[in-house]
Amino acid sequence: MYRVLFVLLLTANQLFAQTNQIQVVDSLPCDASVKLERSFCPNCTAWNDLFSPDFSGKIPVEYHFSVFNADSVEIFSSNDLEIGWKGPLKDQEQETQNYSWSLFYRYEKNGPSYHCNGQVVLIQ
């Protein structure tokens, strides 16, 4: 079993103390049946206008997919396989740049969890 360690360091400003948050999650790397594109274009016709994982094998029973901007701020999140990122944030188009994504899923309710992350290029 793999162990993934997340460390998040937040600093409000110099007047406040730093907050450290550590979360340890037992998980496996994503299996080969899960595919994610390396780029997508929400305003292009007939070419990757939605960014979401493609599960070509089994369908997970638990699922969480997130997209983050360059400042590591979560700009999209979904627990529904049918809902992917269309590119905008609060109806405002985002810049052409790299975005990070994170995917957690589980095929069986009490089965092992899987986690993977990567980068995608949003093209406007």
Protein backbone atom coordinates (compact mmCIF):
# COMPACT_ATOMS: atom_id res chain seq x y z
CA MET A 1 0.00 0.00 0.00
CA TYR A 2 1.32 3.45 -0.91
CA ARG A 3 1.18 6.35 1.51
CA VAL A 4 0.64 9.86 0.19
CA LEU A 5 1.61 12.77 2.43
CA PHE A 6 0.10 16.22 1.87
CA VAL A 7 1.54 19.20 3.69
CA LEU A 8 -0.17 22.57 3.44
CA LEU A 9 1.49 25.65 4.94
CA LEU A 10 -0.72 28.73 5.26
CA THR A 11 0.46 32.13 6.45
CA ALA A 12 -2.19 34.81 6.96
CA ASN A 13 0.36 37.59 7.52
CA GLN A 14 3.17 38.44 9.92
CA LEU A 15 0.72 39.29 12.72
CA PHE A 16 -0.74 35.79 12.84
CA ALA A 17 0.95 32.49 13.57
CA GLN A 18 1.57 30.02 10.79
CA THR A 19 -0.87 27.13 10.44
CA ASN A 20 0.40 23.71 9.42
CA GLN A 21 -2.01 21.05 8.24
CA ILE A 22 -0.88 17.51 7.51
CA GLN A 23 -3.10 14.84 6.03
CA VAL A 24 -1.95 11.29 5.38
CA VAL A 25 -4.00 9.18 3.00
CA ASP A 26 -3.42 5.52 2.18
CA SER A 27 -3.88 5.17 -1.55
CA LEU A 28 -2.66 3.47 -4.71
CA PRO A 29 -1.58 5.27 -7.89
CA CYS A 30 -4.27 5.55 -10.55
CA ASP A 31 -4.71 2.46 -12.68
CA ALA A 32 -3.97 2.39 -16.42
CA SER A 33 -7.66 2.41 -17.40
CA VAL A 34 -8.05 6.06 -16.30
CA LYS A 35 -7.15 8.60 -19.00
CA LEU A 36 -6.85 12.39 -18.79
CA GLU A 37 -5.96 14.68 -21.67
CA ARG A 38 -2.88 16.90 -21.43
CA SER A 39 -4.67 19.86 -23.01
CA PHE A 40 -8.18 21.05 -23.72
CA CYS A 41 -9.88 23.97 -25.44
CA PRO A 42 -13.34 24.90 -24.11
CA ASN A 43 -14.00 27.33 -26.99
CA CYS A 44 -12.85 25.08 -29.82
CA THR A 45 -15.28 23.05 -31.88
CA ALA A 46 -14.95 19.27 -31.83
CA TRP A 47 -11.78 19.22 -29.76
CA ASN A 48 -11.59 18.48 -26.03
CA ASP A 49 -14.06 21.11 -24.85
CA LEU A 50 -14.47 19.45 -21.44
CA PHE A 51 -11.74 18.31 -19.05
CA SER A 52 -12.59 15.23 -17.00
CA PRO A 53 -11.21 11.74 -16.36
CA ASP A 54 -12.16 8.99 -18.79
CA PHE A 55 -12.76 5.69 -17.01
CA SER A 56 -12.57 3.09 -19.76
CA GLY A 57 -12.64 0.15 -17.35
CA LYS A 58 -14.65 -0.08 -14.16
CA ILE A 59 -16.73 2.85 -12.99
CA PRO A 60 -15.83 4.11 -9.49
CA VAL A 61 -18.39 4.27 -6.69
CA GLU A 62 -16.54 7.12 -4.94
CA TYR A 63 -14.95 9.94 -6.89
CA HIS A 64 -13.48 13.41 -6.39
CA PHE A 65 -11.85 15.50 -9.13
CA SER A 66 -10.29 18.96 -8.62
CA VAL A 67 -8.51 21.53 -10.78
CA PHE A 68 -6.16 24.18 -9.35
CA ASN A 69 -4.76 27.40 -10.81
CA ALA A 70 -1.10 28.46 -10.74
CA ASP A 71 -1.55 29.82 -7.20
CA SER A 72 -2.78 26.38 -6.01
CA VAL A 73 -6.31 27.69 -5.52
CA GLU A 74 -9.01 25.12 -6.27
CA ILE A 75 -11.06 26.51 -9.16
CA PHE A 76 -13.12 23.42 -9.97
CA SER A 77 -14.30 20.44 -7.95
CA SER A 78 -16.73 17.60 -8.67
CA ASN A 79 -17.92 14.39 -7.05
CA ASP A 80 -20.00 13.52 -10.13
CA LEU A 81 -18.46 11.58 -13.06
CA GLU A 82 -20.82 13.37 -15.46
CA ILE A 83 -19.54 16.85 -14.55
CA GLY A 84 -16.18 18.00 -15.88
CA TRP A 85 -14.36 21.33 -16.00
CA LYS A 86 -15.50 23.56 -18.87
CA GLY A 87 -12.77 26.17 -18.35
CA PRO A 88 -14.44 29.22 -16.83
CA LEU A 89 -14.45 30.26 -13.19
CA LYS A 90 -17.63 32.06 -12.07
CA ASP A 91 -18.56 32.64 -15.74
CA GLN A 92 -15.19 34.29 -16.44
CA GLU A 93 -12.79 32.73 -18.95
CA GLN A 94 -9.45 31.64 -17.54
CA GLU A 95 -6.04 32.37 -19.03
CA THR A 96 -4.20 30.03 -21.36
CA GLN A 97 -1.78 28.34 -18.98
CA ASN A 98 -1.04 25.14 -17.09
CA TYR A 99 -3.46 24.02 -14.41
CA SER A 100 -2.95 21.23 -11.88
CA TRP A 101 -5.50 18.49 -11.27
CA SER A 102 -6.03 15.89 -8.58
CA LEU A 103 -8.15 12.74 -8.77
CA PHE A 104 -9.27 10.41 -5.96
CA TYR A 105 -11.52 7.43 -6.59
CA ARG A 106 -12.56 4.05 -5.24
CA TYR A 107 -14.09 1.15 -7.18
CA GLU A 108 -15.70 -0.52 -4.17
CA LYS A 109 -17.19 1.17 -1.12
CA ASN A 110 -14.67 -0.35 1.30
CA GLY A 111 -12.01 -1.12 -1.30
CA PRO A 112 -8.65 0.58 -1.81
CA SER A 113 -8.57 4.23 -2.82
CA TYR A 114 -6.61 5.54 -5.79
CA HIS A 115 -4.99 8.94 -6.21
CA CYS A 116 -3.18 10.64 -9.06
CA ASN A 117 -2.44 14.19 -10.13
CA GLY A 118 -0.96 16.03 -13.06
CA GLN A 119 -1.06 19.08 -15.31
CA VAL A 120 -3.35 20.21 -18.10
CA VAL A 121 -2.99 23.11 -20.52
CA LEU A 122 -6.10 25.24 -21.03
CA ILE A 123 -6.06 26.73 -24.53
CA GLN A 124 -8.29 29.75 -25.26
